[in-house]
């Protein structure tokens, strides 16, 4: 909850990755409150009120995931809604002449994004495609899988674009960047 709250306002790309990890951790705990308490909540060294809020946050997410039938795969509805909002913002940046540097960074990613679209045609949101790729490679690295040089280069480009997008999206949400 504490990390998610900070990431949500400061870096939307990292927020998505963090929430993917939380979803997977809740799945690993089989949505059981005792396991969530033991493996996730007990590690927080904080005051009683904050610990209670963290507990409620994890259990609330767990209940939502069960309700939305996300036992094995998938992402929470509010995450999809946020992806849509960020994707709309991304499209605005691509269409506005004031963001030529962002557009140049995007062009460097375009081939890799196109390849992902072919591999996962059911995902039409380019931001979600990039986040999925980054998270997928993170999981493969945890499993000590070999990652090709081309894939690593694509991920570096995705990370660069998401970093720029996250900064601009944060500025937009704070009112420091206006959309016409």
N, C-alpha and C. Protein backbone atom coordinates (compact mmCIF):
# COMPACT_ATOMS: atom_id res chain seq x y z
N UNK A 1 0.82 -1.18 0.00
CA UNK A 1 0.00 0.00 0.00
C UNK A 1 0.88 1.25 0.00
N UNK A 2 1.88 1.31 0.87
CA UNK A 2 2.72 2.49 0.96
C UNK A 2 3.51 2.70 -0.33
N UNK A 3 4.08 1.63 -0.84
CA UNK A 3 4.86 1.72 -2.08
C UNK A 3 3.94 2.03 -3.25
N UNK A 4 2.81 1.35 -3.30
CA UNK A 4 1.86 1.58 -4.39
C UNK A 4 1.39 3.03 -4.41
N UNK A 5 1.10 3.57 -3.26
CA UNK A 5 0.63 4.95 -3.16
C UNK A 5 1.69 5.92 -3.68
N UNK A 6 2.94 5.69 -3.30
CA UNK A 6 4.03 6.56 -3.74
C UNK A 6 4.25 6.40 -5.25
N UNK A 7 4.28 5.18 -5.74
CA UNK A 7 4.50 4.92 -7.16
C UNK A 7 3.37 5.48 -8.02
N UNK A 8 2.15 5.38 -7.52
CA UNK A 8 0.99 5.84 -8.29
C UNK A 8 1.11 7.31 -8.64
N UNK A 9 1.64 8.11 -7.73
CA UNK A 9 1.75 9.54 -7.99
C UNK A 9 3.07 9.94 -8.63
N UNK A 10 4.12 9.15 -8.43
CA UNK A 10 5.44 9.57 -8.91
C UNK A 10 5.88 8.90 -10.21
N UNK A 11 5.47 7.64 -10.44
CA UNK A 11 5.95 6.92 -11.62
C UNK A 11 4.95 5.84 -12.00
N UNK A 12 4.09 6.15 -12.94
CA UNK A 12 2.99 5.25 -13.29
C UNK A 12 3.50 3.94 -13.88
N UNK A 13 4.61 3.97 -14.60
CA UNK A 13 5.18 2.74 -15.15
C UNK A 13 5.60 1.79 -14.04
N UNK A 14 6.28 2.32 -13.04
CA UNK A 14 6.69 1.50 -11.90
C UNK A 14 5.47 1.04 -11.09
N UNK A 15 4.45 1.87 -11.04
CA UNK A 15 3.22 1.48 -10.34
C UNK A 15 2.60 0.24 -10.99
N UNK A 16 2.51 0.24 -12.32
CA UNK A 16 1.96 -0.93 -13.01
C UNK A 16 2.78 -2.17 -12.69
N UNK A 17 4.09 -2.06 -12.76
CA UNK A 17 4.96 -3.21 -12.48
C UNK A 17 4.79 -3.68 -11.03
N UNK A 18 4.70 -2.75 -10.12
CA UNK A 18 4.51 -3.10 -8.71
C UNK A 18 3.18 -3.81 -8.50
N UNK A 19 2.13 -3.30 -9.13
CA UNK A 19 0.82 -3.93 -8.95
C UNK A 19 0.78 -5.32 -9.58
N UNK A 20 1.48 -5.53 -10.68
CA UNK A 20 1.58 -6.88 -11.24
C UNK A 20 2.22 -7.82 -10.22
N UNK A 21 3.28 -7.32 -9.57
CA UNK A 21 3.96 -8.13 -8.56
C UNK A 21 3.03 -8.43 -7.39
N UNK A 22 2.29 -7.45 -6.92
CA UNK A 22 1.35 -7.65 -5.82
C UNK A 22 0.30 -8.69 -6.21
N UNK A 23 -0.22 -8.59 -7.42
CA UNK A 23 -1.21 -9.58 -7.87
C UNK A 23 -0.61 -10.99 -7.82
N UNK A 24 0.61 -11.13 -8.31
CA UNK A 24 1.25 -12.45 -8.30
C UNK A 24 1.51 -12.94 -6.87
N UNK A 25 1.88 -12.03 -5.98
CA UNK A 25 2.09 -12.42 -4.58
C UNK A 25 0.78 -12.88 -3.94
N UNK A 26 -0.30 -12.20 -4.23
CA UNK A 26 -1.60 -12.61 -3.69
C UNK A 26 -2.01 -13.98 -4.25
N UNK A 27 -1.71 -14.21 -5.51
CA UNK A 27 -1.98 -15.54 -6.09
C UNK A 27 -1.14 -16.59 -5.39
N UNK A 28 0.13 -16.27 -5.14
CA UNK A 28 1.01 -17.23 -4.46
C UNK A 28 0.50 -17.55 -3.05
N UNK A 29 -0.16 -16.58 -2.43
CA UNK A 29 -0.76 -16.80 -1.10
C UNK A 29 -2.16 -17.42 -1.21
N UNK A 30 -2.57 -17.73 -2.43
CA UNK A 30 -3.86 -18.37 -2.69
C UNK A 30 -5.03 -17.57 -2.10
N UNK A 31 -4.84 -16.27 -1.99
CA UNK A 31 -5.87 -15.34 -1.51
C UNK A 31 -6.32 -15.65 -0.08
N UNK A 32 -5.52 -16.39 0.66
CA UNK A 32 -5.84 -16.76 2.03
C UNK A 32 -5.26 -15.72 2.99
N UNK A 33 -6.13 -15.16 3.84
CA UNK A 33 -5.72 -14.06 4.71
C UNK A 33 -4.56 -14.45 5.64
N UNK A 34 -4.54 -15.68 6.11
CA UNK A 34 -3.45 -16.10 7.00
C UNK A 34 -2.10 -16.07 6.27
N UNK A 35 -2.09 -16.57 5.05
CA UNK A 35 -0.84 -16.57 4.27
C UNK A 35 -0.44 -15.14 3.88
N UNK A 36 -1.42 -14.32 3.55
CA UNK A 36 -1.13 -12.91 3.22
C UNK A 36 -0.52 -12.22 4.43
N UNK A 37 -1.10 -12.48 5.60
CA UNK A 37 -0.60 -11.90 6.84
C UNK A 37 0.84 -12.36 7.10
N UNK A 38 1.06 -13.66 6.98
CA UNK A 38 2.36 -14.24 7.28
C UNK A 38 3.45 -13.81 6.30
N UNK A 39 3.14 -13.84 5.00
CA UNK A 39 4.17 -13.62 3.99
C UNK A 39 4.29 -12.19 3.50
N UNK A 40 3.24 -11.40 3.65
CA UNK A 40 3.29 -10.04 3.12
C UNK A 40 3.23 -8.97 4.21
N UNK A 41 2.24 -9.06 5.05
CA UNK A 41 1.99 -7.97 6.00
C UNK A 41 2.94 -8.00 7.19
N UNK A 42 3.29 -9.17 7.68
CA UNK A 42 4.11 -9.27 8.89
C UNK A 42 5.50 -8.64 8.72
N UNK A 43 5.95 -8.44 7.50
CA UNK A 43 7.28 -7.90 7.25
C UNK A 43 7.34 -6.37 7.39
N UNK A 44 6.19 -5.74 7.47
CA UNK A 44 6.17 -4.29 7.62
C UNK A 44 6.45 -3.93 9.07
N UNK A 45 7.42 -3.07 9.26
CA UNK A 45 7.78 -2.60 10.60
C UNK A 45 7.25 -1.18 10.73
N UNK A 46 5.99 -1.08 11.19
CA UNK A 46 5.34 0.22 11.26
C UNK A 46 4.35 0.23 12.42
N UNK A 47 3.74 1.36 12.63
CA UNK A 47 2.79 1.49 13.73
C UNK A 47 1.52 0.67 13.46
N UNK A 48 0.73 0.48 14.49
CA UNK A 48 -0.45 -0.37 14.43
C UNK A 48 -1.48 0.12 13.41
N UNK A 49 -1.72 1.43 13.38
CA UNK A 49 -2.71 1.99 12.45
C UNK A 49 -2.28 1.74 11.00
N UNK A 50 -1.03 2.03 10.69
CA UNK A 50 -0.53 1.84 9.33
C UNK A 50 -0.55 0.36 8.96
N UNK A 51 -0.17 -0.50 9.90
CA UNK A 51 -0.19 -1.94 9.63
C UNK A 51 -1.63 -2.41 9.35
N UNK A 52 -2.59 -1.87 10.06
CA UNK A 52 -3.99 -2.21 9.84
C UNK A 52 -4.44 -1.75 8.45
N UNK A 53 -4.00 -0.56 8.04
CA UNK A 53 -4.33 -0.05 6.70
C UNK A 53 -3.69 -0.92 5.62
N UNK A 54 -2.46 -1.34 5.83
CA UNK A 54 -1.77 -2.23 4.88
C UNK A 54 -2.51 -3.56 4.79
N UNK A 55 -2.89 -4.10 5.93
CA UNK A 55 -3.66 -5.34 5.99
C UNK A 55 -4.95 -5.21 5.19
N UNK A 56 -5.68 -4.14 5.43
CA UNK A 56 -6.95 -3.92 4.73
C UNK A 56 -6.74 -3.78 3.23
N UNK A 57 -5.63 -3.12 2.84
CA UNK A 57 -5.34 -2.93 1.42
C UNK A 57 -5.08 -4.27 0.73
N UNK A 58 -4.20 -5.08 1.31
CA UNK A 58 -3.91 -6.39 0.72
C UNK A 58 -5.16 -7.27 0.67
N UNK A 59 -5.89 -7.32 1.77
CA UNK A 59 -7.09 -8.17 1.81
C UNK A 59 -8.16 -7.66 0.85
N UNK A 60 -8.26 -6.35 0.71
CA UNK A 60 -9.21 -5.78 -0.25
C UNK A 60 -8.85 -6.14 -1.68
N UNK A 61 -7.56 -6.04 -2.01
CA UNK A 61 -7.11 -6.44 -3.35
C UNK A 61 -7.36 -7.92 -3.58
N UNK A 62 -7.10 -8.71 -2.56
CA UNK A 62 -7.31 -10.15 -2.65
C UNK A 62 -8.77 -10.46 -2.95
N UNK A 63 -9.66 -9.83 -2.22
CA UNK A 63 -11.10 -10.04 -2.43
C UNK A 63 -11.52 -9.61 -3.83
N UNK A 64 -10.98 -8.46 -4.30
CA UNK A 64 -11.28 -7.99 -5.65
C UNK A 64 -10.82 -9.00 -6.70
N UNK A 65 -9.63 -9.54 -6.51
CA UNK A 65 -9.10 -10.50 -7.47
C UNK A 65 -9.97 -11.75 -7.53
N UNK A 66 -10.42 -12.22 -6.38
CA UNK A 66 -11.31 -13.38 -6.35
C UNK A 66 -12.63 -13.03 -7.03
N UNK A 67 -13.17 -11.87 -6.70
CA UNK A 67 -14.43 -11.41 -7.28
C UNK A 67 -14.33 -11.31 -8.80
N UNK A 68 -13.18 -10.84 -9.30
CA UNK A 68 -12.97 -10.66 -10.73
C UNK A 68 -12.43 -11.92 -11.41
N UNK A 69 -12.36 -13.00 -10.63
CA UNK A 69 -11.91 -14.31 -11.14
C UNK A 69 -10.51 -14.25 -11.75
N UNK A 70 -9.60 -13.68 -10.99
CA UNK A 70 -8.22 -13.54 -11.43
C UNK A 70 -7.31 -14.52 -10.68
N UNK A 71 -7.81 -15.72 -10.47
CA UNK A 71 -7.08 -16.71 -9.68
C UNK A 71 -5.75 -17.11 -10.31
N UNK A 72 -5.70 -17.23 -11.62
CA UNK A 72 -4.49 -17.71 -12.28
C UNK A 72 -3.78 -16.62 -13.07
N UNK A 73 -4.53 -15.81 -13.78
CA UNK A 73 -3.94 -14.76 -14.62
C UNK A 73 -4.86 -13.55 -14.64
N UNK A 74 -4.36 -12.51 -15.30
CA UNK A 74 -5.17 -11.31 -15.49
C UNK A 74 -4.84 -10.23 -14.47
N UNK A 75 -5.43 -9.08 -14.72
CA UNK A 75 -5.16 -7.92 -13.88
C UNK A 75 -6.46 -7.26 -13.46
N UNK A 76 -6.42 -6.62 -12.33
CA UNK A 76 -7.60 -5.98 -11.76
C UNK A 76 -8.20 -4.96 -12.71
N UNK A 77 -9.50 -4.82 -12.65
CA UNK A 77 -10.22 -3.90 -13.52
C UNK A 77 -9.72 -2.47 -13.42
N UNK A 78 -9.44 -2.01 -12.21
CA UNK A 78 -8.97 -0.63 -12.07
C UNK A 78 -7.60 -0.43 -12.69
N UNK A 79 -6.81 -1.50 -12.78
CA UNK A 79 -5.51 -1.41 -13.46
C UNK A 79 -5.73 -1.25 -14.96
N UNK A 80 -6.67 -2.02 -15.52
CA UNK A 80 -7.00 -1.88 -16.95
C UNK A 80 -7.51 -0.47 -17.25
N UNK A 81 -8.35 0.06 -16.37
CA UNK A 81 -8.88 1.41 -16.57
C UNK A 81 -7.75 2.44 -16.56
N UNK A 82 -6.80 2.27 -15.66
CA UNK A 82 -5.67 3.18 -15.60
C UNK A 82 -4.78 3.03 -16.83
N UNK A 83 -4.59 1.81 -17.31
CA UNK A 83 -3.85 1.60 -18.56
C UNK A 83 -4.52 2.39 -19.69
N UNK A 84 -5.84 2.33 -19.76
CA UNK A 84 -6.56 3.06 -20.81
C UNK A 84 -6.32 4.56 -20.71
N UNK A 85 -6.36 5.08 -19.49
CA UNK A 85 -6.13 6.51 -19.28
C UNK A 85 -4.71 6.90 -19.70
N UNK A 86 -3.74 6.11 -19.32
CA UNK A 86 -2.35 6.40 -19.66
C UNK A 86 -2.14 6.24 -21.17
N UNK A 87 -2.79 5.27 -21.78
CA UNK A 87 -2.67 5.07 -23.23
C UNK A 87 -3.25 6.27 -23.98
N UNK A 88 -4.38 6.79 -23.51
CA UNK A 88 -4.95 7.99 -24.13
C UNK A 88 -3.98 9.16 -24.02
N UNK A 89 -3.35 9.30 -22.87
CA UNK A 89 -2.35 10.35 -22.67
C UNK A 89 -1.16 10.15 -23.61
N UNK A 90 -0.71 8.92 -23.73
CA UNK A 90 0.38 8.56 -24.65
C UNK A 90 0.03 8.96 -26.08
N UNK A 91 -1.19 8.66 -26.51
CA UNK A 91 -1.61 9.02 -27.87
C UNK A 91 -1.63 10.54 -28.05
N UNK A 92 -2.04 11.26 -27.02
CA UNK A 92 -2.02 12.72 -27.07
C UNK A 92 -0.58 13.21 -27.30
N UNK A 93 0.37 12.66 -26.55
CA UNK A 93 1.77 13.06 -26.70
C UNK A 93 2.29 12.77 -28.11
N UNK A 94 1.85 11.67 -28.68
CA UNK A 94 2.30 11.30 -30.03
C UNK A 94 1.72 12.22 -31.10
N UNK A 95 0.59 12.83 -30.81
CA UNK A 95 -0.09 13.68 -31.81
C UNK A 95 0.22 15.16 -31.65
N UNK A 96 0.85 15.54 -30.55
CA UNK A 96 1.08 16.95 -30.27
C UNK A 96 2.53 17.32 -30.63
N UNK A 97 2.68 18.34 -31.47
CA UNK A 97 4.01 18.73 -31.96
C UNK A 97 4.95 19.21 -30.86
N UNK A 98 4.42 19.54 -29.70
CA UNK A 98 5.26 20.01 -28.59
C UNK A 98 6.07 18.88 -27.94
N UNK A 99 5.80 17.64 -28.32
CA UNK A 99 6.47 16.50 -27.67
C UNK A 99 7.28 15.69 -28.67
N UNK A 100 8.07 16.39 -29.46
CA UNK A 100 8.85 15.73 -30.51
C UNK A 100 9.90 14.76 -29.94
N UNK A 101 10.47 15.07 -28.80
CA UNK A 101 11.47 14.16 -28.20
C UNK A 101 10.79 12.86 -27.79
N UNK A 102 9.61 12.96 -27.20
CA UNK A 102 8.85 11.76 -26.83
C UNK A 102 8.53 10.96 -28.09
N UNK A 103 8.14 11.64 -29.13
CA UNK A 103 7.80 10.98 -30.39
C UNK A 103 9.01 10.28 -31.00
N UNK A 104 10.19 10.89 -30.88
CA UNK A 104 11.41 10.25 -31.37
C UNK A 104 11.73 8.99 -30.57
N UNK A 105 11.55 9.06 -29.28
CA UNK A 105 11.79 7.88 -28.44
C UNK A 105 10.81 6.78 -28.82
N UNK A 106 9.56 7.15 -29.06
CA UNK A 106 8.55 6.17 -29.46
C UNK A 106 8.94 5.51 -30.78
N UNK A 107 9.42 6.30 -31.73
CA UNK A 107 9.81 5.74 -33.03
C UNK A 107 10.89 4.66 -32.88
N UNK A 108 11.77 4.84 -31.90
CA UNK A 108 12.81 3.84 -31.65
C UNK A 108 12.20 2.53 -31.13
N UNK A 109 11.06 2.63 -30.48
CA UNK A 109 10.36 1.45 -29.92
C UNK A 109 9.38 0.82 -30.90
N UNK A 110 9.04 1.54 -31.95
CA UNK A 110 7.92 1.15 -32.81
C UNK A 110 8.03 -0.27 -33.35
N UNK A 111 9.22 -0.66 -33.82
CA UNK A 111 9.39 -2.01 -34.37
C UNK A 111 9.12 -3.08 -33.32
N UNK A 112 9.68 -2.88 -32.12
CA UNK A 112 9.49 -3.85 -31.04
C UNK A 112 8.04 -3.90 -30.58
N UNK A 113 7.39 -2.74 -30.54
CA UNK A 113 5.97 -2.70 -30.17
C UNK A 113 5.14 -3.44 -31.22
N UNK A 114 5.47 -3.23 -32.48
CA UNK A 114 4.76 -3.91 -33.56
C UNK A 114 4.90 -5.43 -33.44
N UNK A 115 6.09 -5.90 -33.10
CA UNK A 115 6.31 -7.33 -32.91
C UNK A 115 5.46 -7.86 -31.75
N UNK A 116 5.37 -7.09 -30.68
CA UNK A 116 4.54 -7.50 -29.55
C UNK A 116 3.06 -7.55 -29.94
N UNK A 117 2.63 -6.58 -30.74
CA UNK A 117 1.23 -6.55 -31.20
C UNK A 117 0.90 -7.80 -32.01
N UNK A 118 1.87 -8.25 -32.81
CA UNK A 118 1.65 -9.47 -33.60
C UNK A 118 1.59 -10.69 -32.71
N UNK A 119 2.40 -10.71 -31.68
CA UNK A 119 2.45 -11.85 -30.78
C UNK A 119 1.24 -11.89 -29.84
N UNK A 120 0.75 -10.71 -29.46
CA UNK A 120 -0.38 -10.60 -28.52
C UNK A 120 -1.45 -9.67 -29.10
N UNK A 121 -2.12 -10.10 -30.18
CA UNK A 121 -3.09 -9.21 -30.85
C UNK A 121 -4.29 -8.83 -29.98
N UNK A 122 -4.54 -9.60 -28.92
CA UNK A 122 -5.66 -9.29 -28.03
C UNK A 122 -5.39 -8.06 -27.15
N UNK A 123 -4.13 -7.65 -27.04
CA UNK A 123 -3.78 -6.47 -26.25
C UNK A 123 -3.53 -5.31 -27.21
N UNK A 124 -4.44 -4.37 -27.21
CA UNK A 124 -4.35 -3.24 -28.13
C UNK A 124 -3.70 -2.02 -27.49
N UNK A 125 -3.51 -2.05 -26.20
CA UNK A 125 -2.93 -0.93 -25.47
C UNK A 125 -1.40 -1.06 -25.46
N UNK A 126 -0.73 -0.16 -26.16
CA UNK A 126 0.73 -0.24 -26.29
C UNK A 126 1.45 -0.11 -24.95
N UNK A 127 0.89 0.65 -24.05
CA UNK A 127 1.53 0.81 -22.74
C UNK A 127 1.48 -0.51 -21.99
N UNK A 128 0.33 -1.16 -22.03
CA UNK A 128 0.20 -2.46 -21.37
C UNK A 128 1.13 -3.49 -22.02
N UNK A 129 1.28 -3.45 -23.32
CA UNK A 129 2.20 -4.37 -24.00
C UNK A 129 3.63 -4.20 -23.47
N UNK A 130 4.06 -2.95 -23.35
CA UNK A 130 5.43 -2.70 -22.88
C UNK A 130 5.59 -3.12 -21.42
N UNK A 131 4.61 -2.81 -20.59
CA UNK A 131 4.68 -3.19 -19.18
C UNK A 131 4.69 -4.72 -19.07
N UNK A 132 3.84 -5.39 -19.83
CA UNK A 132 3.81 -6.85 -19.83
C UNK A 132 5.18 -7.42 -20.21
N UNK A 133 5.79 -6.83 -21.23
CA UNK A 133 7.11 -7.31 -21.67
C UNK A 133 8.15 -7.12 -20.58
N UNK A 134 8.18 -5.97 -19.98
CA UNK A 134 9.16 -5.70 -18.92
C UNK A 134 8.95 -6.64 -17.74
N UNK A 135 7.69 -6.81 -17.34
CA UNK A 135 7.41 -7.69 -16.21
C UNK A 135 7.73 -9.14 -16.56
N UNK A 136 7.39 -9.54 -17.77
CA UNK A 136 7.68 -10.91 -18.20
C UNK A 136 9.17 -11.22 -18.17
N UNK A 137 9.98 -10.28 -18.60
CA UNK A 137 11.43 -10.48 -18.58
C UNK A 137 11.94 -10.48 -17.15
N UNK A 138 11.36 -9.65 -16.30
CA UNK A 138 11.70 -9.65 -14.87
C UNK A 138 11.48 -11.05 -14.28
N UNK A 139 10.35 -11.64 -14.60
CA UNK A 139 10.04 -12.99 -14.09
C UNK A 139 11.02 -14.01 -14.67
N UNK A 140 11.33 -13.90 -15.94
CA UNK A 140 12.30 -14.82 -16.55
C UNK A 140 13.68 -14.70 -15.90
N UNK A 141 14.07 -13.48 -15.58
CA UNK A 141 15.36 -13.27 -14.91
C UNK A 141 15.35 -13.92 -13.52
N UNK A 142 14.24 -13.81 -12.83
CA UNK A 142 14.13 -14.46 -11.52
C UNK A 142 14.30 -15.97 -11.64
N UNK A 143 13.86 -16.51 -12.78
CA UNK A 143 13.98 -17.94 -13.03
C UNK A 143 15.33 -18.29 -13.66
N UNK A 144 16.20 -17.27 -13.75
CA UNK A 144 17.55 -17.44 -14.29
C UNK A 144 17.56 -17.87 -15.76
N UNK A 145 16.57 -17.40 -16.52
CA UNK A 145 16.49 -17.67 -17.95
C UNK A 145 17.41 -16.70 -18.70
N UNK A 146 17.91 -17.13 -19.83
CA UNK A 146 18.76 -16.30 -20.66
C UNK A 146 17.87 -15.35 -21.47
N UNK A 147 18.25 -14.08 -21.48
CA UNK A 147 17.51 -13.06 -22.21
C UNK A 147 18.40 -12.60 -23.37
N UNK A 148 17.85 -12.66 -24.58
CA UNK A 148 18.66 -12.29 -25.76
C UNK A 148 19.03 -10.81 -25.73
N UNK A 149 20.09 -10.49 -26.45
CA UNK A 149 20.56 -9.11 -26.52
C UNK A 149 19.50 -8.22 -27.16
N UNK A 150 18.83 -8.70 -28.20
CA UNK A 150 17.78 -7.93 -28.87
C UNK A 150 16.64 -7.61 -27.90
N UNK A 151 16.26 -8.60 -27.10
CA UNK A 151 15.19 -8.40 -26.13
C UNK A 151 15.61 -7.39 -25.08
N UNK A 152 16.84 -7.48 -24.62
CA UNK A 152 17.35 -6.53 -23.64
C UNK A 152 17.35 -5.11 -24.20
N UNK A 153 17.71 -4.98 -25.47
CA UNK A 153 17.72 -3.66 -26.10
C UNK A 153 16.30 -3.10 -26.23
N UNK A 154 15.37 -3.96 -26.61
CA UNK A 154 13.97 -3.53 -26.69
C UNK A 154 13.46 -3.07 -25.33
N UNK A 155 13.79 -3.83 -24.30
CA UNK A 155 13.34 -3.48 -22.95
C UNK A 155 13.94 -2.15 -22.50
N UNK A 156 15.18 -1.90 -22.86
CA UNK A 156 15.80 -0.62 -22.50
C UNK A 156 15.06 0.53 -23.18
N UNK A 157 14.66 0.33 -24.43
CA UNK A 157 13.88 1.36 -25.13
C UNK A 157 12.52 1.55 -24.48
N UNK A 158 11.87 0.44 -24.14
CA UNK A 158 10.57 0.52 -23.47
C UNK A 158 10.70 1.27 -22.15
N UNK A 159 11.73 0.94 -21.40
CA UNK A 159 11.94 1.58 -20.10
C UNK A 159 12.15 3.08 -20.26
N UNK A 160 12.89 3.46 -21.28
CA UNK A 160 13.14 4.88 -21.55
C UNK A 160 11.83 5.60 -21.88
N UNK A 161 11.04 5.00 -22.75
CA UNK A 161 9.77 5.61 -23.14
C UNK A 161 8.82 5.68 -21.94
N UNK A 162 8.73 4.60 -21.17
CA UNK A 162 7.84 4.59 -20.01
C UNK A 162 8.29 5.58 -18.94
N UNK A 163 9.59 5.76 -18.81
CA UNK A 163 10.10 6.73 -17.86
C UNK A 163 9.68 8.15 -18.25
N UNK A 164 9.84 8.47 -19.51
CA UNK A 164 9.44 9.78 -20.01
C UNK A 164 7.92 9.96 -19.88
N UNK A 165 7.19 8.95 -20.28
CA UNK A 165 5.73 8.99 -20.17
C UNK A 165 5.30 9.16 -18.72
N UNK A 166 5.93 8.44 -17.81
CA UNK A 166 5.58 8.52 -16.39
C UNK A 166 5.80 9.92 -15.84
N UNK A 167 6.91 10.53 -16.22
CA UNK A 167 7.19 11.90 -15.76
C UNK A 167 6.13 12.85 -16.27
N UNK A 168 5.82 12.75 -17.54
CA UNK A 168 4.82 13.65 -18.13
C UNK A 168 3.42 13.38 -17.54
N UNK A 169 3.10 12.12 -17.31
CA UNK A 169 1.79 11.79 -16.75
C UNK A 169 1.68 12.31 -15.32
N UNK A 170 2.74 12.20 -14.56
CA UNK A 170 2.75 12.74 -13.20
C UNK A 170 2.55 14.26 -13.23
N UNK A 171 3.26 14.93 -14.12
CA UNK A 171 3.09 16.39 -14.27
C UNK A 171 1.66 16.73 -14.67
N UNK A 172 1.10 15.95 -15.56
CA UNK A 172 -0.28 16.16 -16.00
C UNK A 172 -1.25 16.02 -14.82
N UNK A 173 -1.09 14.96 -14.03
CA UNK A 173 -2.00 14.75 -12.90
C UNK A 173 -1.84 15.83 -11.82
N UNK A 174 -0.66 16.40 -11.70
CA UNK A 174 -0.42 17.46 -10.72
C UNK A 174 -0.85 18.83 -11.24
N UNK A 175 -1.24 18.88 -12.53
CA UNK A 175 -1.67 20.14 -13.11
C UNK A 175 -0.54 20.96 -13.71
N UNK A 176 0.67 20.41 -13.72
CA UNK A 176 1.82 21.14 -14.26
C UNK A 176 1.93 21.01 -15.78
N UNK A 177 1.18 20.10 -16.36
CA UNK A 177 1.17 19.91 -17.81
C UNK A 177 -0.29 19.93 -18.24
N UNK A 178 -0.62 20.85 -19.09
CA UNK A 178 -2.01 21.02 -19.53
C UNK A 178 -2.23 20.35 -20.88
N UNK A 179 -3.40 19.76 -21.02
CA UNK A 179 -3.79 19.14 -22.29
C UNK A 179 -4.88 20.00 -22.89
N UNK A 180 -4.72 20.28 -24.17
CA UNK A 180 -5.71 21.11 -24.88
C UNK A 180 -6.89 20.33 -25.34
